C-alpha atoms as a PDB file:
ATOM      1  CA  MET A   1      12.857 -10.443  -3.845  1.00  0.00           C
ATOM      2  CA  MET A   2      14.508 -11.419  -0.591  1.00  0.00           C
ATOM      3  CA  GLN A   3      15.941  -8.423   1.244  1.00  0.00           C
ATOM      4  CA  PRO A   4      19.663  -8.868   2.048  1.00  0.00           C
ATOM      5  CA  GLU A   5      19.122  -8.619   5.791  1.00  0.00           C
ATOM      6  CA  ASN A   6      16.790 -11.634   5.609  1.00  0.00           C
ATOM      7  CA  THR A   7      19.439 -13.866   3.999  1.00  0.00           C
ATOM      8  CA  ARG A   8      21.869 -15.310   6.525  1.00  0.00           C
ATOM      9  CA  TRP A   9      25.070 -16.698   4.999  1.00  0.00           C
ATOM     10  CA  LYS A  10      26.891 -19.391   6.956  1.00  0.00           C
ATOM     11  CA  HIS A  11      30.247 -20.626   5.687  1.00  0.00           C
ATOM     12  CA  PHE A  12      31.640 -23.997   6.782  1.00  0.00           C
ATOM     13  CA  ASN A  13      35.288 -25.057   6.649  1.00  0.00           C
ATOM     14  CA  SER A  14      34.607 -28.560   5.342  1.00  0.00           C
ATOM     15  CA  ILE A  15      31.832 -30.494   3.682  1.00  0.00           C
ATOM     16  CA  GLU A  16      31.614 -32.629   6.816  1.00  0.00           C
ATOM     17  CA  CYS A  17      31.010 -29.547   8.945  1.00  0.00           C
ATOM     18  CA  LEU A  18      28.303 -28.393   6.552  1.00  0.00           C
ATOM     19  CA  ARG A  19      26.565 -31.758   6.664  1.00  0.00           C
ATOM     20  CA  HIS A  20      26.611 -31.824  10.451  1.00  0.00           C
ATOM     21  CA  GLY A  21      25.441 -28.201  10.557  1.00  0.00           C
ATOM     22  CA  VAL A  22      22.375 -29.091   8.501  1.00  0.00           C
ATOM     23  CA  PHE A  23      21.801 -32.193  10.589  1.00  0.00           C
ATOM     24  CA  ASP A  24      21.947 -30.189  13.821  1.00  0.00           C
ATOM     25  CA  ALA A  25      19.502 -27.599  12.424  1.00  0.00           C
ATOM     26  CA  ILE A  26      17.022 -30.296  11.431  1.00  0.00           C
ATOM     27  CA  VAL A  27      17.211 -31.914  14.870  1.00  0.00           C
ATOM     28  CA  LYS A  28      16.689 -28.572  16.601  1.00  0.00           C
ATOM     29  CA  SER A  29      13.725 -27.697  14.384  1.00  0.00           C
ATOM     30  CA  ALA A  30      12.165 -31.138  14.840  1.00  0.00           C
ATOM     31  CA  ASN A  31      12.494 -31.058  18.619  1.00  0.00           C
ATOM     32  CA  GLU A  32      10.932 -27.602  18.825  1.00  0.00           C
ATOM     33  CA  ALA A  33       8.090 -28.412  16.437  1.00  0.00           C
ATOM     34  CA  ILE A  34       7.180 -31.656  18.182  1.00  0.00           C
ATOM     35  CA  LYS A  35       7.273 -29.954  21.576  1.00  0.00           C
ATOM     36  CA  GLN A  36       5.193 -26.965  20.445  1.00  0.00           C
ATOM     37  CA  ARG A  37       2.824 -28.455  17.860  1.00  0.00           C
ATOM     38  CA  GLY A  38       3.033 -32.229  18.222  1.00  0.00           C
ATOM     39  CA  GLN A  39       4.493 -32.883  14.770  1.00  0.00           C
ATOM     40  CA  PHE A  40       7.332 -31.943  12.435  1.00  0.00           C
ATOM     41  CA  SER A  41       6.941 -31.403   8.689  1.00  0.00           C
ATOM     42  CA  ILE A  42      10.016 -31.160   6.482  1.00  0.00           C
ATOM     43  CA  VAL A  43      10.467 -30.680   2.741  1.00  0.00           C
ATOM     44  CA  LEU A  44      13.459 -32.585   1.403  1.00  0.00           C
ATOM     45  CA  ALA A  45      15.953 -31.547  -1.258  1.00  0.00           C
ATOM     46  CA  GLY A  46      17.661 -33.943  -3.635  1.00  0.00           C
ATOM     47  CA  GLY A  47      21.391 -34.124  -4.299  1.00  0.00           C
ATOM     48  CA  ASN A  48      24.555 -35.636  -2.898  1.00  0.00           C
ATOM     49  CA  THR A  49      25.037 -33.369   0.119  1.00  0.00           C
ATOM     50  CA  PRO A  50      21.463 -33.880   1.387  1.00  0.00           C
ATOM     51  CA  ARG A  51      21.957 -37.619   0.823  1.00  0.00           C
ATOM     52  CA  THR A  52      24.703 -37.697   3.457  1.00  0.00           C
ATOM     53  CA  VAL A  53      22.595 -35.623   5.849  1.00  0.00           C
ATOM     54  CA  TYR A  54      19.716 -38.086   5.520  1.00  0.00           C
ATOM     55  CA  ARG A  55      22.140 -40.932   6.205  1.00  0.00           C
ATOM     56  CA  LEU A  56      23.014 -39.244   9.511  1.00  0.00           C
ATOM     57  CA  LEU A  57      19.335 -38.855  10.406  1.00  0.00           C
ATOM     58  CA  ARG A  58      18.576 -42.561  10.386  1.00  0.00           C
ATOM     59  CA  ASP A  59      20.513 -42.952  13.648  1.00  0.00           C
ATOM     60  CA  LEU A  60      18.622 -40.133  15.362  1.00  0.00           C
ATOM     61  CA  ASP A  61      16.774 -40.884  18.596  1.00  0.00           C
ATOM     62  CA  THR A  62      13.424 -39.195  18.014  1.00  0.00           C
ATOM     63  CA  ASP A  63       9.718 -39.939  17.921  1.00  0.00           C
ATOM     64  CA  TRP A  64       9.454 -40.763  14.234  1.00  0.00           C
ATOM     65  CA  SER A  65       5.675 -41.054  14.487  1.00  0.00           C
ATOM     66  CA  LYS A  66       5.574 -37.248  14.645  1.00  0.00           C
ATOM     67  CA  TRP A  67       7.500 -36.687  11.384  1.00  0.00           C
ATOM     68  CA  HIS A  68       5.893 -35.778   8.042  1.00  0.00           C
ATOM     69  CA  ILE A  69       8.034 -35.930   4.899  1.00  0.00           C
ATOM     70  CA  TYR A  70       7.532 -33.971   1.680  1.00  0.00           C
ATOM     71  CA  HIS A  71       9.686 -33.373  -1.402  1.00  0.00           C
ATOM     72  CA  GLY A  72      10.430 -30.025  -3.012  1.00  0.00           C
ATOM     73  CA  ASP A  73      10.429 -31.414  -6.525  1.00  0.00           C
ATOM     74  CA  GLU A  74      10.590 -34.638  -8.472  1.00  0.00           C
ATOM     75  CA  ARG A  75      11.567 -35.870 -11.911  1.00  0.00           C
ATOM     76  CA  CYS A  76       8.860 -37.503 -14.015  1.00  0.00           C
ATOM     77  CA  LEU A  77      10.454 -40.936 -14.096  1.00  0.00           C
ATOM     78  CA  PRO A  78       9.343 -44.437 -13.054  1.00  0.00           C
ATOM     79  CA  ILE A  79       8.916 -44.788  -9.308  1.00  0.00           C
ATOM     80  CA  ASP A  80      11.955 -47.077  -9.032  1.00  0.00           C
ATOM     81  CA  HIS A  81      14.275 -44.976 -11.210  1.00  0.00           C
ATOM     82  CA  GLU A  82      17.645 -44.231  -9.622  1.00  0.00           C
ATOM     83  CA  ASP A  83      17.251 -40.487 -10.274  1.00  0.00           C
ATOM     84  CA  ARG A  84      14.069 -40.147  -8.246  1.00  0.00           C
ATOM     85  CA  ASN A  85      14.518 -37.981  -5.134  1.00  0.00           C
ATOM     86  CA  SER A  86      12.002 -40.113  -3.277  1.00  0.00           C
ATOM     87  CA  LEU A  87      13.958 -43.294  -3.979  1.00  0.00           C
ATOM     88  CA  MET A  88      17.178 -41.745  -2.702  1.00  0.00           C
ATOM     89  CA  ALA A  89      15.547 -40.689   0.576  1.00  0.00           C
ATOM     90  CA  GLU A  90      13.982 -44.117   0.946  1.00  0.00           C
ATOM     91  CA  GLN A  91      17.240 -45.968   0.330  1.00  0.00           C
ATOM     92  CA  VAL A  92      19.498 -43.981   2.646  1.00  0.00           C
ATOM     93  CA  TRP A  93      17.088 -43.018   5.434  1.00  0.00           C
ATOM     94  CA  LEU A  94      13.378 -43.676   5.439  1.00  0.00           C
ATOM     95  CA  ARG A  95      13.452 -47.473   5.208  1.00  0.00           C
ATOM     96  CA  TYR A  96      15.476 -47.526   8.429  1.00  0.00           C
ATOM     97  CA  VAL A  97      13.076 -45.505  10.595  1.00  0.00           C
ATOM     98  CA  ASN A  98       9.486 -45.879  11.711  1.00  0.00           C
ATOM     99  CA  ILE A  99       7.770 -42.933  10.093  1.00  0.00           C
ATOM    100  CA  PRO A 100       4.232 -44.093   9.247  1.00  0.00           C
ATOM    101  CA  ALA A 101       3.873 -44.679   5.517  1.00  0.00           C
ATOM    102  CA  SER A 102       0.888 -42.326   5.444  1.00  0.00           C
ATOM    103  CA  GLN A 103       3.196 -39.515   6.596  1.00  0.00           C
ATOM    104  CA  VAL A 104       5.746 -39.942   3.800  1.00  0.00           C
ATOM    105  CA  HIS A 105       4.310 -37.836   1.003  1.00  0.00           C
ATOM    106  CA  ASP A 106       6.175 -38.699  -2.196  1.00  0.00           C
ATOM    107  CA  ILE A 107       5.367 -36.751  -5.351  1.00  0.00           C
ATOM    108  CA  PRO A 108       3.554 -39.140  -7.754  1.00  0.00           C
ATOM    109  CA  ALA A 109       5.633 -37.967 -10.704  1.00  0.00           C
ATOM    110  CA  GLU A 110       5.265 -41.351 -12.382  1.00  0.00           C
ATOM    111  CA  LEU A 111       1.757 -40.155 -13.302  1.00  0.00           C
ATOM    112  CA  GLY A 112       3.237 -37.456 -15.516  1.00  0.00           C
ATOM    113  CA  SER A 113       3.770 -33.788 -14.766  1.00  0.00           C
ATOM    114  CA  VAL A 114       0.161 -32.609 -15.042  1.00  0.00           C
ATOM    115  CA  ALA A 115      -1.640 -35.447 -13.246  1.00  0.00           C
ATOM    116  CA  GLY A 116       1.142 -35.838 -10.686  1.00  0.00           C
ATOM    117  CA  ALA A 117       1.180 -32.128  -9.873  1.00  0.00           C
ATOM    118  CA  LYS A 118      -2.584 -32.080  -9.439  1.00  0.00           C
ATOM    119  CA  ALA A 119      -2.438 -35.018  -7.042  1.00  0.00           C
ATOM    120  CA  TYR A 120       0.389 -33.506  -5.008  1.00  0.00           C
ATOM    121  CA  ALA A 121      -1.324 -30.133  -4.848  1.00  0.00           C
ATOM    122  CA  GLU A 122      -4.270 -31.863  -3.196  1.00  0.00           C
ATOM    123  CA  THR A 123      -1.888 -33.432  -0.651  1.00  0.00           C
ATOM    124  CA  LEU A 124      -0.267 -30.087   0.111  1.00  0.00           C
ATOM    125  CA  HIS A 125      -3.570 -28.235   0.300  1.00  0.00           C
ATOM    126  CA  VAL A 126      -4.439 -30.018   3.546  1.00  0.00           C
ATOM    127  CA  ALA A 127      -0.880 -29.950   4.903  1.00  0.00           C
ATOM    128  CA  PRO A 128       0.053 -27.419   7.575  1.00  0.00           C
ATOM    129  CA  THR A 129       2.693 -24.724   7.301  1.00  0.00           C
ATOM    130  CA  PHE A 130       6.013 -26.496   6.810  1.00  0.00           C
ATOM    131  CA  ASP A 131       8.403 -26.441   9.742  1.00  0.00           C
ATOM    132  CA  MET A 132      11.504 -26.669   7.551  1.00  0.00           C
ATOM    133  CA  VAL A 133      12.276 -26.546   3.844  1.00  0.00           C
ATOM    134  CA  LEU A 134      15.615 -27.822   2.547  1.00  0.00           C
ATOM    135  CA  LEU A 135      16.706 -26.537  -0.860  1.00  0.00           C
ATOM    136  CA  GLY A 136      19.704 -26.791  -3.123  1.00  0.00           C
ATOM    137  CA  LEU A 137      21.142 -24.253  -5.540  1.00  0.00           C
ATOM    138  CA  GLY A 138      21.969 -25.055  -9.151  1.00  0.00           C
ATOM    139  CA  GLU A 139      24.833 -23.501 -11.067  1.00  0.00           C
ATOM    140  CA  ASP A 140      22.224 -21.525 -13.020  1.00  0.00           C
ATOM    141  CA  GLY A 141      20.572 -20.302  -9.810  1.00  0.00           C
ATOM    142  CA  HIS A 142      17.636 -22.705  -9.922  1.00  0.00           C
ATOM    143  CA  THR A 143      16.160 -24.257  -6.802  1.00  0.00           C
ATOM    144  CA  ALA A 144      13.702 -27.152  -6.552  1.00  0.00           C
ATOM    145  CA  SER A 145      12.546 -27.199 -10.201  1.00  0.00           C
ATOM    146  CA  LEU A 146      12.160 -23.429 -10.469  1.00  0.00           C
ATOM    147  CA  PHE A 147      14.431 -22.616 -13.420  1.00  0.00           C
ATOM    148  CA  PRO A 148      15.703 -19.355 -14.954  1.00  0.00           C
ATOM    149  CA  ASN A 149      13.635 -17.944 -17.785  1.00  0.00           C
ATOM    150  CA  HIS A 150      10.666 -20.160 -16.938  1.00  0.00           C
ATOM    151  CA  GLU A 151       7.328 -18.672 -16.039  1.00  0.00           C
ATOM    152  CA  VAL A 152       6.703 -18.963 -12.299  1.00  0.00           C
ATOM    153  CA  ASP A 153       3.448 -20.839 -11.835  1.00  0.00           C
ATOM    154  CA  ASN A 154       1.722 -20.219  -8.510  1.00  0.00           C
ATOM    155  CA  SER A 155      -1.668 -21.498  -9.606  1.00  0.00           C
ATOM    156  CA  ALA A 156      -1.475 -24.389  -7.127  1.00  0.00           C
ATOM    157  CA  ASP A 157       0.688 -25.717  -4.298  1.00  0.00           C
ATOM    158  CA  ALA A 158       2.404 -28.109  -6.723  1.00  0.00           C
ATOM    159  CA  VAL A 159       2.770 -27.386 -10.430  1.00  0.00           C
ATOM    160  CA  PRO A 160       4.047 -29.136 -13.561  1.00  0.00           C
ATOM    161  CA  VAL A 161       7.344 -28.129 -15.145  1.00  0.00           C
ATOM    162  CA  PHE A 162       7.901 -28.553 -18.873  1.00  0.00           C
ATOM    163  CA  ASN A 163      11.062 -28.211 -20.967  1.00  0.00           C
ATOM    164  CA  ALA A 164      13.404 -28.130 -17.984  1.00  0.00           C
ATOM    165  CA  PRO A 165      16.963 -27.285 -19.059  1.00  0.00           C
ATOM    166  CA  LYS A 166      18.215 -30.343 -17.169  1.00  0.00           C
ATOM    167  CA  PRO A 167      16.890 -33.797 -18.024  1.00  0.00           C
ATOM    168  CA  PRO A 168      14.285 -35.039 -17.707  1.00  0.00           C
ATOM    169  CA  ALA A 169      12.359 -32.193 -19.298  1.00  0.00           C
ATOM    170  CA  ASP A 170       9.151 -32.956 -17.388  1.00  0.00           C
ATOM    171  CA  ARG A 171       9.126 -32.437 -13.634  1.00  0.00           C
ATOM    172  CA  ILE A 172       6.890 -31.427 -10.734  1.00  0.00           C
ATOM    173  CA  THR A 173       7.793 -28.764  -8.210  1.00  0.00           C
ATOM    174  CA  ILE A 174       6.221 -27.282  -5.131  1.00  0.00           C
ATOM    175  CA  SER A 175       5.304 -23.755  -6.126  1.00  0.00           C
ATOM    176  CA  GLN A 176       7.076 -20.642  -4.939  1.00  0.00           C
ATOM    177  CA  ASN A 177       4.166 -19.564  -2.748  1.00  0.00           C
ATOM    178  CA  ARG A 178       3.897 -22.939  -1.002  1.00  0.00           C
ATOM    179  CA  LEU A 179       7.639 -23.177  -0.400  1.00  0.00           C
ATOM    180  CA  ASN A 180       7.415 -19.769   1.250  1.00  0.00           C
ATOM    181  CA  ASN A 181       4.741 -21.073   3.621  1.00  0.00           C
ATOM    182  CA  THR A 182       7.304 -22.341   6.120  1.00  0.00           C
ATOM    183  CA  ARG A 183       8.891 -21.541   9.457  1.00  0.00           C
ATOM    184  CA  GLU A 184      12.475 -22.144   8.322  1.00  0.00           C
ATOM    185  CA  VAL A 185      14.469 -22.519   5.088  1.00  0.00           C
ATOM    186  CA  ILE A 186      17.976 -23.858   4.630  1.00  0.00           C
ATOM    187  CA  PHE A 187      19.754 -23.688   1.289  1.00  0.00           C
ATOM    188  CA  ILE A 188      22.579 -26.236   1.023  1.00  0.00           C
ATOM    189  CA  VAL A 189      25.274 -24.916  -1.304  1.00  0.00           C
ATOM    190  CA  SER A 190      28.563 -26.719  -1.960  1.00  0.00           C
ATOM    191  CA  GLY A 191      31.099 -26.664  -4.760  1.00  0.00           C
ATOM    192  CA  ALA A 192      32.961 -24.007  -6.715  1.00  0.00           C
ATOM    193  CA  GLY A 193      30.540 -24.417  -9.606  1.00  0.00           C
ATOM    194  CA  LYS A 194      27.917 -22.556  -7.571  1.00  0.00           C
ATOM    195  CA  GLN A 195      30.068 -19.407  -7.219  1.00  0.00           C
ATOM    196  CA  GLU A 196      28.456 -17.451 -10.056  1.00  0.00           C
ATOM    197  CA  ALA A 197      24.964 -18.133  -8.734  1.00  0.00           C
ATOM    198  CA  VAL A 198      26.059 -17.084  -5.242  1.00  0.00           C
ATOM    199  CA  ASP A 199      27.638 -13.907  -6.628  1.00  0.00           C
ATOM    200  CA  HIS A 200      24.409 -13.028  -8.448  1.00  0.00           C
ATOM    201  CA  TRP A 201      22.401 -13.696  -5.308  1.00  0.00           C
ATOM    202  CA  ARG A 202      24.612 -11.574  -3.085  1.00  0.00           C
ATOM    203  CA  SER A 203      24.716  -8.697  -5.577  1.00  0.00           C
ATOM    204  CA  GLY A 204      20.927  -8.517  -5.668  1.00  0.00           C
ATOM    205  CA  THR A 205      20.483 -10.045  -9.120  1.00  0.00           C
ATOM    206  CA  ALA A 206      17.248 -11.969  -9.379  1.00  0.00           C
ATOM    207  CA  ILE A 207      17.737 -15.736  -9.677  1.00  0.00           C
ATOM    208  CA  PRO A 208      15.118 -18.414  -9.005  1.00  0.00           C
ATOM    209  CA  ALA A 209      16.501 -19.044  -5.516  1.00  0.00           C
ATOM    210  CA  THR A 210      15.586 -15.490  -4.500  1.00  0.00           C
ATOM    211  CA  LEU A 211      11.919 -16.323  -5.095  1.00  0.00           C
ATOM    212  CA  ILE A 212      12.041 -18.216  -1.813  1.00  0.00           C
ATOM    213  CA  ALA A 213      11.606 -15.334   0.613  1.00  0.00           C
ATOM    214  CA  PRO A 214       9.486 -16.289   3.634  1.00  0.00           C
ATOM    215  CA  SER A 215       9.012 -13.785   6.437  1.00  0.00           C
ATOM    216  CA  CYS A 216      11.424 -15.827   8.583  1.00  0.00           C
ATOM    217  CA  GLY A 217      14.218 -15.266   6.062  1.00  0.00           C
ATOM    218  CA  VAL A 218      16.536 -17.985   4.784  1.00  0.00           C
ATOM    219  CA  ASP A 219      19.792 -19.533   5.945  1.00  0.00           C
ATOM    220  CA  VAL A 220      22.342 -20.390   3.273  1.00  0.00           C
ATOM    221  CA  TYR A 221      24.832 -23.042   4.394  1.00  0.00           C
ATOM    222  CA  CYS A 222      27.918 -22.900   2.158  1.00  0.00           C
ATOM    223  CA  PHE A 223      31.119 -24.789   1.520  1.00  0.00           C
ATOM    224  CA  GLY A 224      33.513 -24.338  -1.394  1.00  0.00           C
ATOM    225  CA  VAL A 225      32.199 -20.918  -2.428  1.00  0.00           C
ATOM    226  CA  ALA A 226      33.323 -17.486  -1.329  1.00  0.00           C
ATOM    227  CA  VAL A 227      30.753 -15.550   0.650  1.00  0.00           C
END
């Protein structure tokens, strides 16, 4: 489990400040990665707060040809379903910028959890160490589609999820081990409903979010919860 000294808690005074804090961190990471390694790979989170961050990114002045986009998890729904994380990112950000289509790596969850996970694992197997992973935190402590009381499957870089406690029951998630293969992690946490999960995390109680423990540590950006 993540050691406390490797978890950096950052509290923001407004949701707008949090959004701009995440935006600034992404820009900094992208600039450094492109300068040092010639490309920037980021894993996206779903949810309303990330949505507004992605909306800010579409006005960024950057070399989009160097960006590679991945998703932390996806619901097994039709490709055009409004609850797909990939559709949200496309609608608010990606359609407005010139990232090559071959560098936008959506999870093919429309294939079903088993076939889709196998296909995405093959994509991730040849992908480099991520530069940044964005994650959310559920009220139950879940992150990506790693849920409490579910067996953690690290058999591949992407794995199927069955019987998820939130609909739809079938999902695909990047595995714990692959999410930990990154240079930077930001958890985006907003809303009083997340307080219990945050309290468990800070007290050292194991929740799914604490499975994400890369050597670089994690930054938790918070608004609306006491830290």
